Amino acid sequence: MFEGLLLLFVPLLAFRAAGALGVTRFAGWRSSAAHALAVMLVFTGSAHFAPDSQTVMPSHNDLTAMVPPFVPAPDLMVYATGVLELLGAAGLVLRPTRRLAGRCLALLFACLIPANIYAAADDIPLNGDPATPLWFRIPEQVVYIAVALWSTRGDRHPG
């Protein structure tokens, strides 16, 4: 249940420690948070393409099961959101695209809320684990939205 948050907060602390040791890229909390969110998105985005045979993370089929019935082409949607997560991760680590990536990711995370509600309400397991309860899923999405917006707030696009 806490894996996603750990994938965010452990890299955040590691990046801030690197910043404290003189790595200028991680000199601030916002830059460190943007990079930590990128690390999390590489893992979560990769899961969208993972076969059922691996057991380290949810698979493509696990994520497809989360797609609410009103969404067309669930397989395609899972692949598309995986691509968007990976593109968002790349956008977060590149300073010129960081702000735009943060806004786009916040929108993506908001769009994923119905899938999280559906998965919790229909008791859909992930990677063989019991379904994550709704009381946890929604605040978790809010944290991701907040981090995406806060960590990129001070960055400006070029031009």
N, C-alpha and C. Protein backbone atom coordinates (compact mmCIF):
# COMPACT_ATOMS: atom_id res chain seq x y z
N MET A 1 0.82 -1.20 0.00
CA MET A 1 0.00 0.00 0.00
C MET A 1 0.87 1.27 0.00
N PHE A 2 1.98 1.24 0.64
CA PHE A 2 2.82 2.44 0.75
C PHE A 2 3.94 2.50 -0.29
N GLU A 3 3.95 1.55 -1.22
CA GLU A 3 5.07 1.47 -2.16
C GLU A 3 5.24 2.74 -2.98
N GLY A 4 4.13 3.28 -3.49
CA GLY A 4 4.21 4.49 -4.30
C GLY A 4 4.78 5.66 -3.53
N LEU A 5 4.33 5.82 -2.29
CA LEU A 5 4.84 6.92 -1.48
C LEU A 5 6.32 6.71 -1.14
N LEU A 6 6.70 5.45 -0.89
CA LEU A 6 8.12 5.18 -0.64
C LEU A 6 8.96 5.48 -1.88
N LEU A 7 8.41 5.15 -3.06
CA LEU A 7 9.12 5.45 -4.30
C LEU A 7 9.27 6.94 -4.53
N LEU A 8 8.49 7.73 -3.84
CA LEU A 8 8.60 9.18 -3.94
C LEU A 8 9.51 9.74 -2.84
N PHE A 9 9.27 9.35 -1.60
CA PHE A 9 9.95 10.00 -0.49
C PHE A 9 11.36 9.49 -0.22
N VAL A 10 11.67 8.25 -0.51
CA VAL A 10 13.04 7.77 -0.33
C VAL A 10 13.99 8.48 -1.31
N PRO A 11 13.67 8.54 -2.62
CA PRO A 11 14.53 9.31 -3.51
C PRO A 11 14.60 10.79 -3.15
N LEU A 12 13.48 11.35 -2.67
CA LEU A 12 13.51 12.76 -2.26
C LEU A 12 14.55 12.99 -1.19
N LEU A 13 14.57 12.15 -0.18
CA LEU A 13 15.56 12.32 0.89
C LEU A 13 16.98 12.06 0.40
N ALA A 14 17.13 11.09 -0.51
CA ALA A 14 18.46 10.81 -1.07
C ALA A 14 18.95 11.99 -1.90
N PHE A 15 18.07 12.57 -2.70
CA PHE A 15 18.47 13.73 -3.53
C PHE A 15 18.81 14.93 -2.65
N ARG A 16 18.02 15.16 -1.60
CA ARG A 16 18.33 16.28 -0.70
C ARG A 16 19.65 16.05 0.02
N ALA A 17 19.93 14.81 0.38
CA ALA A 17 21.23 14.50 1.01
C ALA A 17 22.36 14.80 0.03
N ALA A 18 22.16 14.42 -1.23
CA ALA A 18 23.17 14.73 -2.25
C ALA A 18 23.33 16.24 -2.39
N GLY A 19 22.23 16.96 -2.33
CA GLY A 19 22.30 18.42 -2.39
C GLY A 19 23.07 19.00 -1.22
N ALA A 20 22.85 18.45 -0.04
CA ALA A 20 23.57 18.92 1.15
C ALA A 20 25.06 18.63 1.05
N LEU A 21 25.39 17.61 0.24
CA LEU A 21 26.80 17.26 0.05
C LEU A 21 27.43 18.02 -1.12
N GLY A 22 26.66 18.91 -1.72
CA GLY A 22 27.23 19.78 -2.75
C GLY A 22 26.78 19.54 -4.17
N VAL A 23 25.89 18.59 -4.42
CA VAL A 23 25.38 18.37 -5.77
C VAL A 23 24.37 19.47 -6.05
N THR A 24 24.75 20.43 -6.89
CA THR A 24 23.93 21.62 -7.08
C THR A 24 22.56 21.32 -7.70
N ARG A 25 22.45 20.28 -8.50
CA ARG A 25 21.17 19.92 -9.11
C ARG A 25 20.10 19.66 -8.04
N PHE A 26 20.54 19.20 -6.88
CA PHE A 26 19.61 18.87 -5.80
C PHE A 26 19.74 19.84 -4.62
N ALA A 27 20.13 21.06 -4.90
CA ALA A 27 20.37 22.04 -3.85
C ALA A 27 19.10 22.48 -3.14
N GLY A 28 17.96 22.35 -3.80
CA GLY A 28 16.70 22.77 -3.17
C GLY A 28 15.71 21.63 -3.06
N TRP A 29 14.73 21.82 -2.19
CA TRP A 29 13.71 20.81 -2.00
C TRP A 29 12.86 20.61 -3.25
N ARG A 30 12.56 21.70 -3.96
CA ARG A 30 11.70 21.58 -5.14
C ARG A 30 12.36 20.77 -6.25
N SER A 31 13.60 21.08 -6.54
CA SER A 31 14.30 20.32 -7.57
C SER A 31 14.44 18.85 -7.17
N SER A 32 14.74 18.63 -5.91
CA SER A 32 14.84 17.25 -5.42
C SER A 32 13.50 16.53 -5.52
N ALA A 33 12.42 17.23 -5.21
CA ALA A 33 11.09 16.62 -5.29
C ALA A 33 10.71 16.32 -6.74
N ALA A 34 11.06 17.21 -7.67
CA ALA A 34 10.77 16.96 -9.08
C ALA A 34 11.51 15.72 -9.56
N HIS A 35 12.77 15.58 -9.17
CA HIS A 35 13.54 14.41 -9.56
C HIS A 35 13.02 13.14 -8.88
N ALA A 36 12.61 13.26 -7.63
CA ALA A 36 12.05 12.10 -6.91
C ALA A 36 10.75 11.64 -7.57
N LEU A 37 9.92 12.59 -7.97
CA LEU A 37 8.69 12.24 -8.68
C LEU A 37 9.03 11.55 -10.00
N ALA A 38 10.08 12.01 -10.66
CA ALA A 38 10.52 11.36 -11.90
C ALA A 38 10.94 9.91 -11.65
N VAL A 39 11.65 9.66 -10.56
CA VAL A 39 12.05 8.28 -10.22
C VAL A 39 10.80 7.42 -10.02
N MET A 40 9.85 7.94 -9.25
CA MET A 40 8.62 7.19 -9.02
C MET A 40 7.91 6.89 -10.34
N LEU A 41 7.85 7.88 -11.23
CA LEU A 41 7.15 7.71 -12.50
C LEU A 41 7.85 6.71 -13.43
N VAL A 42 9.16 6.61 -13.35
CA VAL A 42 9.85 5.59 -14.15
C VAL A 42 9.39 4.20 -13.71
N PHE A 43 9.26 4.00 -12.40
CA PHE A 43 8.79 2.70 -11.91
C PHE A 43 7.32 2.47 -12.24
N THR A 44 6.47 3.45 -11.94
CA THR A 44 5.05 3.26 -12.18
C THR A 44 4.74 3.22 -13.67
N GLY A 45 5.42 4.03 -14.46
CA GLY A 45 5.22 4.01 -15.91
C GLY A 45 5.67 2.70 -16.53
N SER A 46 6.74 2.14 -16.02
CA SER A 46 7.24 0.85 -16.52
C SER A 46 6.25 -0.27 -16.25
N ALA A 47 5.52 -0.18 -15.14
CA ALA A 47 4.54 -1.21 -14.80
C ALA A 47 3.46 -1.33 -15.88
N HIS A 48 3.20 -0.26 -16.60
CA HIS A 48 2.18 -0.29 -17.64
C HIS A 48 2.54 -1.24 -18.79
N PHE A 49 3.80 -1.62 -18.85
CA PHE A 49 4.29 -2.50 -19.92
C PHE A 49 4.77 -3.85 -19.40
N ALA A 50 4.67 -4.06 -18.08
CA ALA A 50 5.22 -5.26 -17.45
C ALA A 50 4.32 -6.48 -17.71
N PRO A 51 4.93 -7.62 -18.02
CA PRO A 51 4.14 -8.84 -18.22
C PRO A 51 3.71 -9.42 -16.87
N ASP A 52 2.70 -10.27 -16.91
CA ASP A 52 2.21 -10.92 -15.69
C ASP A 52 3.27 -11.80 -15.03
N SER A 53 4.24 -12.26 -15.79
CA SER A 53 5.23 -13.19 -15.25
C SER A 53 6.16 -12.53 -14.23
N GLN A 54 6.31 -11.22 -14.25
CA GLN A 54 7.15 -10.58 -13.25
C GLN A 54 6.31 -10.31 -12.01
N THR A 55 6.94 -10.31 -10.85
CA THR A 55 6.20 -10.16 -9.60
C THR A 55 6.68 -8.99 -8.75
N VAL A 56 7.54 -8.18 -9.30
CA VAL A 56 8.11 -7.07 -8.54
C VAL A 56 7.14 -5.89 -8.45
N MET A 57 6.34 -5.72 -9.47
CA MET A 57 5.40 -4.59 -9.53
C MET A 57 4.12 -5.04 -10.21
N PRO A 58 3.09 -4.22 -10.15
CA PRO A 58 1.88 -4.57 -10.89
C PRO A 58 2.18 -4.73 -12.38
N SER A 59 1.41 -5.57 -13.04
CA SER A 59 1.62 -5.82 -14.47
C SER A 59 0.62 -5.01 -15.29
N HIS A 60 0.82 -5.08 -16.58
CA HIS A 60 -0.10 -4.42 -17.51
C HIS A 60 -1.53 -4.92 -17.27
N ASN A 61 -1.69 -6.21 -17.09
CA ASN A 61 -3.03 -6.77 -16.86
C ASN A 61 -3.63 -6.29 -15.54
N ASP A 62 -2.80 -6.15 -14.50
CA ASP A 62 -3.29 -5.60 -13.23
C ASP A 62 -3.85 -4.20 -13.44
N LEU A 63 -3.10 -3.39 -14.17
CA LEU A 63 -3.51 -2.01 -14.39
C LEU A 63 -4.71 -1.92 -15.32
N THR A 64 -4.80 -2.82 -16.29
CA THR A 64 -5.96 -2.84 -17.18
C THR A 64 -7.23 -3.16 -16.39
N ALA A 65 -7.12 -4.02 -15.39
CA ALA A 65 -8.27 -4.37 -14.56
C ALA A 65 -8.79 -3.17 -13.78
N MET A 66 -7.95 -2.18 -13.54
CA MET A 66 -8.33 -0.98 -12.80
C MET A 66 -9.13 0.01 -13.64
N VAL A 67 -9.09 -0.13 -14.95
CA VAL A 67 -9.74 0.84 -15.84
C VAL A 67 -11.26 0.69 -15.71
N PRO A 68 -11.94 1.78 -15.38
CA PRO A 68 -13.41 1.70 -15.23
C PRO A 68 -14.08 1.32 -16.56
N PRO A 69 -15.23 0.66 -16.48
CA PRO A 69 -15.91 0.19 -17.69
C PRO A 69 -16.28 1.30 -18.69
N PHE A 70 -16.44 2.53 -18.22
CA PHE A 70 -16.83 3.60 -19.14
C PHE A 70 -15.67 4.11 -20.00
N VAL A 71 -14.45 3.69 -19.70
CA VAL A 71 -13.28 4.11 -20.48
C VAL A 71 -13.10 3.16 -21.65
N PRO A 72 -13.05 3.69 -22.87
CA PRO A 72 -12.87 2.81 -24.03
C PRO A 72 -11.43 2.29 -24.13
N ALA A 73 -11.27 1.16 -24.76
CA ALA A 73 -9.96 0.56 -25.06
C ALA A 73 -9.03 0.54 -23.84
N PRO A 74 -9.37 -0.23 -22.81
CA PRO A 74 -8.56 -0.25 -21.58
C PRO A 74 -7.09 -0.58 -21.82
N ASP A 75 -6.81 -1.56 -22.68
CA ASP A 75 -5.41 -1.90 -22.97
C ASP A 75 -4.65 -0.70 -23.50
N LEU A 76 -5.24 -0.05 -24.48
CA LEU A 76 -4.62 1.13 -25.09
C LEU A 76 -4.44 2.24 -24.06
N MET A 77 -5.42 2.44 -23.21
CA MET A 77 -5.34 3.49 -22.19
C MET A 77 -4.20 3.23 -21.21
N VAL A 78 -4.02 1.98 -20.85
CA VAL A 78 -2.92 1.65 -19.93
C VAL A 78 -1.57 1.92 -20.60
N TYR A 79 -1.44 1.51 -21.86
CA TYR A 79 -0.19 1.82 -22.57
C TYR A 79 0.01 3.33 -22.70
N ALA A 80 -1.06 4.04 -23.05
CA ALA A 80 -0.96 5.50 -23.23
C ALA A 80 -0.58 6.20 -21.94
N THR A 81 -1.19 5.81 -20.82
CA THR A 81 -0.84 6.47 -19.57
C THR A 81 0.58 6.10 -19.13
N GLY A 82 1.03 4.90 -19.47
CA GLY A 82 2.42 4.54 -19.19
C GLY A 82 3.39 5.42 -19.97
N VAL A 83 3.10 5.64 -21.23
CA VAL A 83 3.94 6.54 -22.04
C VAL A 83 3.91 7.94 -21.46
N LEU A 84 2.73 8.42 -21.08
CA LEU A 84 2.63 9.77 -20.50
C LEU A 84 3.42 9.88 -19.19
N GLU A 85 3.38 8.84 -18.37
CA GLU A 85 4.16 8.88 -17.13
C GLU A 85 5.66 8.92 -17.42
N LEU A 86 6.10 8.15 -18.38
CA LEU A 86 7.54 8.15 -18.72
C LEU A 86 7.96 9.47 -19.35
N LEU A 87 7.11 10.04 -20.21
CA LEU A 87 7.40 11.36 -20.77
C LEU A 87 7.41 12.42 -19.67
N GLY A 88 6.47 12.31 -18.74
CA GLY A 88 6.44 13.24 -17.62
C GLY A 88 7.70 13.16 -16.78
N ALA A 89 8.20 11.95 -16.56
CA ALA A 89 9.45 11.78 -15.82
C ALA A 89 10.60 12.49 -16.53
N ALA A 90 10.69 12.30 -17.84
CA ALA A 90 11.75 12.98 -18.61
C ALA A 90 11.57 14.49 -18.52
N GLY A 91 10.34 14.95 -18.62
CA GLY A 91 10.08 16.38 -18.54
C GLY A 91 10.46 16.99 -17.20
N LEU A 92 10.33 16.23 -16.14
CA LEU A 92 10.67 16.73 -14.81
C LEU A 92 12.17 16.91 -14.61
N VAL A 93 12.98 16.09 -15.24
CA VAL A 93 14.43 16.20 -15.03
C VAL A 93 15.08 17.21 -15.96
N LEU A 94 14.37 17.63 -16.98
CA LEU A 94 14.89 18.65 -17.89
C LEU A 94 14.32 20.00 -17.47
N ARG A 95 15.18 20.88 -17.02
CA ARG A 95 14.74 22.16 -16.47
C ARG A 95 13.82 22.95 -17.41
N PRO A 96 14.10 23.03 -18.72
CA PRO A 96 13.22 23.82 -19.58
C PRO A 96 11.78 23.29 -19.67
N THR A 97 11.59 22.02 -19.41
CA THR A 97 10.25 21.43 -19.53
C THR A 97 9.62 21.10 -18.18
N ARG A 98 10.32 21.39 -17.11
CA ARG A 98 9.87 20.96 -15.78
C ARG A 98 8.50 21.51 -15.40
N ARG A 99 8.29 22.79 -15.60
CA ARG A 99 7.02 23.40 -15.20
C ARG A 99 5.85 22.81 -16.00
N LEU A 100 6.03 22.73 -17.30
CA LEU A 100 4.97 22.16 -18.15
C LEU A 100 4.71 20.69 -17.76
N ALA A 101 5.77 19.94 -17.52
CA ALA A 101 5.62 18.55 -17.11
C ALA A 101 4.85 18.44 -15.80
N GLY A 102 5.15 19.30 -14.86
CA GLY A 102 4.45 19.28 -13.57
C GLY A 102 2.96 19.53 -13.73
N ARG A 103 2.61 20.49 -14.56
CA ARG A 103 1.19 20.79 -14.78
C ARG A 103 0.49 19.64 -15.50
N CYS A 104 1.15 19.11 -16.52
CA CYS A 104 0.56 17.99 -17.26
C CYS A 104 0.40 16.76 -16.38
N LEU A 105 1.39 16.50 -15.54
CA LEU A 105 1.31 15.35 -14.64
C LEU A 105 0.21 15.53 -13.59
N ALA A 106 0.05 16.75 -13.10
CA ALA A 106 -1.04 17.00 -12.14
C ALA A 106 -2.39 16.68 -12.80
N LEU A 107 -2.53 17.08 -14.05
CA LEU A 107 -3.76 16.78 -14.79
C LEU A 107 -3.92 15.27 -14.99
N LEU A 108 -2.83 14.60 -15.36
CA LEU A 108 -2.88 13.15 -15.53
C LEU A 108 -3.27 12.46 -14.22
N PHE A 109 -2.65 12.86 -13.11
CA PHE A 109 -2.97 12.26 -11.82
C PHE A 109 -4.44 12.48 -11.47
N ALA A 110 -4.96 13.66 -11.78
CA ALA A 110 -6.38 13.92 -11.52
C ALA A 110 -7.26 13.01 -12.40
N CYS A 111 -6.85 12.81 -13.64
CA CYS A 111 -7.63 11.95 -14.54
C CYS A 111 -7.60 10.48 -14.10
N LEU A 112 -6.59 10.10 -13.33
CA LEU A 112 -6.49 8.72 -12.86
C LEU A 112 -7.32 8.44 -11.62
N ILE A 113 -7.89 9.46 -11.02
CA ILE A 113 -8.69 9.27 -9.81
C ILE A 113 -9.86 8.31 -10.04
N PRO A 114 -10.60 8.43 -11.15
CA PRO A 114 -11.69 7.45 -11.35
C PRO A 114 -11.21 5.99 -11.37
N ALA A 115 -10.04 5.74 -11.93
CA ALA A 115 -9.51 4.37 -11.94
C ALA A 115 -9.20 3.91 -10.52
N ASN A 116 -8.69 4.81 -9.69
CA ASN A 116 -8.41 4.46 -8.31
C ASN A 116 -9.68 4.22 -7.52
N ILE A 117 -10.70 5.01 -7.78
CA ILE A 117 -12.00 4.80 -7.12
C ILE A 117 -12.59 3.46 -7.54
N TYR A 118 -12.56 3.19 -8.84
CA TYR A 118 -13.09 1.93 -9.36
C TYR A 118 -12.35 0.73 -8.76
N ALA A 119 -11.02 0.80 -8.73
CA ALA A 119 -10.22 -0.31 -8.20
C ALA A 119 -10.53 -0.57 -6.73
N ALA A 120 -10.70 0.50 -5.97
CA ALA A 120 -11.02 0.33 -4.54
C ALA A 120 -12.45 -0.17 -4.35
N ALA A 121 -13.37 0.41 -5.08
CA ALA A 121 -14.79 0.03 -4.92
C ALA A 121 -15.06 -1.40 -5.38
N ASP A 122 -14.36 -1.84 -6.43
CA ASP A 122 -14.57 -3.20 -6.94
C ASP A 122 -13.56 -4.20 -6.38
N ASP A 123 -12.76 -3.75 -5.40
CA ASP A 123 -11.82 -4.63 -4.70
C ASP A 123 -10.85 -5.32 -5.68
N ILE A 124 -10.24 -4.53 -6.56
CA ILE A 124 -9.33 -5.08 -7.57
C ILE A 124 -7.92 -5.13 -6.99
N PRO A 125 -7.34 -6.34 -6.92
CA PRO A 125 -5.99 -6.48 -6.36
C PRO A 125 -4.92 -6.00 -7.35
N LEU A 126 -3.78 -5.63 -6.81
CA LEU A 126 -2.62 -5.25 -7.63
C LEU A 126 -1.46 -6.15 -7.28
N ASN A 127 -0.94 -6.83 -8.27
CA ASN A 127 0.21 -7.70 -8.07
C ASN A 127 -0.05 -8.76 -7.01
N GLY A 128 -1.30 -9.22 -6.94
CA GLY A 128 -1.66 -10.25 -5.97
C GLY A 128 -1.94 -9.73 -4.57
N ASP A 129 -1.69 -8.45 -4.32
CA ASP A 129 -1.98 -7.85 -3.02
C ASP A 129 -3.43 -7.41 -2.97
N PRO A 130 -4.01 -7.38 -1.78
CA PRO A 130 -5.39 -6.91 -1.67
C PRO A 130 -5.53 -5.49 -2.21
N ALA A 131 -6.74 -5.14 -2.63
CA ALA A 131 -7.00 -3.80 -3.15
C ALA A 131 -6.66 -2.75 -2.10
N THR A 132 -6.08 -1.66 -2.56
CA THR A 132 -5.78 -0.54 -1.67
C THR A 132 -7.09 0.17 -1.35
N PRO A 133 -7.36 0.45 -0.08
CA PRO A 133 -8.64 1.09 0.27
C PRO A 133 -8.73 2.53 -0.25
N LEU A 134 -9.93 2.94 -0.50
CA LEU A 134 -10.19 4.27 -1.05
C LEU A 134 -9.68 5.37 -0.14
N TRP A 135 -9.78 5.18 1.18
CA TRP A 135 -9.32 6.20 2.12
C TRP A 135 -7.82 6.49 1.95
N PHE A 136 -7.09 5.54 1.36
CA PHE A 136 -5.67 5.75 1.11
C PHE A 136 -5.43 6.23 -0.32
N ARG A 137 -6.13 5.67 -1.28
CA ARG A 137 -5.89 5.97 -2.69
C ARG A 137 -6.09 7.44 -3.04
N ILE A 138 -7.18 8.03 -2.57
CA ILE A 138 -7.48 9.41 -2.95
C ILE A 138 -6.46 10.38 -2.34
N PRO A 139 -6.17 10.31 -1.04
CA PRO A 139 -5.13 11.20 -0.51
C PRO A 139 -3.77 10.98 -1.18
N GLU A 140 -3.46 9.74 -1.55
CA GLU A 140 -2.20 9.46 -2.24
C GLU A 140 -2.15 10.22 -3.57
N GLN A 141 -3.25 10.19 -4.33
CA GLN A 141 -3.29 10.93 -5.60
C GLN A 141 -3.15 12.42 -5.35
N VAL A 142 -3.77 12.91 -4.28
CA VAL A 142 -3.66 14.34 -3.94
C VAL A 142 -2.21 14.70 -3.64
N VAL A 143 -1.49 13.82 -2.96
CA VAL A 143 -0.07 14.05 -2.68
C VAL A 143 0.70 14.15 -4.00
N TYR A 144 0.45 13.25 -4.93
CA TYR A 144 1.16 13.28 -6.21
C TYR A 144 0.84 14.56 -6.98
N ILE A 145 -0.40 14.97 -6.98
CA ILE A 145 -0.79 16.22 -7.65
C ILE A 145 -0.07 17.40 -7.00
N ALA A 146 -0.08 17.43 -5.67
CA ALA A 146 0.55 18.53 -4.94
C ALA A 146 2.06 18.58 -5.20
N VAL A 147 2.71 17.43 -5.20
CA VAL A 147 4.16 17.40 -5.45
C VAL A 147 4.45 17.83 -6.88
N ALA A 148 3.65 17.37 -7.83
CA ALA A 148 3.87 17.76 -9.24
C ALA A 148 3.76 19.28 -9.39
N LEU A 149 2.80 19.89 -8.76
CA LEU A 149 2.63 21.34 -8.88
C LEU A 149 3.64 22.12 -8.04
N TRP A 150 3.84 21.70 -6.79
CA TRP A 150 4.75 22.43 -5.90
C TRP A 150 6.19 22.35 -6.38
N SER A 151 6.63 21.16 -6.78
CA SER A 151 8.04 20.98 -7.13
C SER A 151 8.42 21.72 -8.41
N THR A 152 7.44 22.09 -9.21
CA THR A 152 7.72 22.77 -10.49
C THR A 152 7.23 24.21 -10.49
N ARG A 153 6.73 24.69 -9.37
CA ARG A 153 6.12 26.02 -9.29
C ARG A 153 7.07 27.15 -9.62
N GLY A 154 8.30 27.06 -9.16
CA GLY A 154 9.23 28.16 -9.38
C GLY A 154 9.91 28.15 -10.74
N ASP A 155 9.73 27.07 -11.49
CA ASP A 155 10.38 26.97 -12.79
C ASP A 155 9.56 27.66 -13.86
N ARG A 156 10.22 28.30 -14.76
CA ARG A 156 9.57 28.98 -15.88
C ARG A 156 10.01 28.33 -17.18
N HIS A 157 9.08 28.30 -18.12
CA HIS A 157 9.51 27.82 -19.44
C HIS A 157 10.41 28.85 -20.08
N PRO A 158 11.29 28.37 -20.98
CA PRO A 158 12.08 29.33 -21.72
C PRO A 158 11.16 30.14 -22.62
N GLY A 159 11.51 31.40 -22.84
CA GLY A 159 10.72 32.26 -23.74
C GLY A 159 9.60 32.83 -22.97
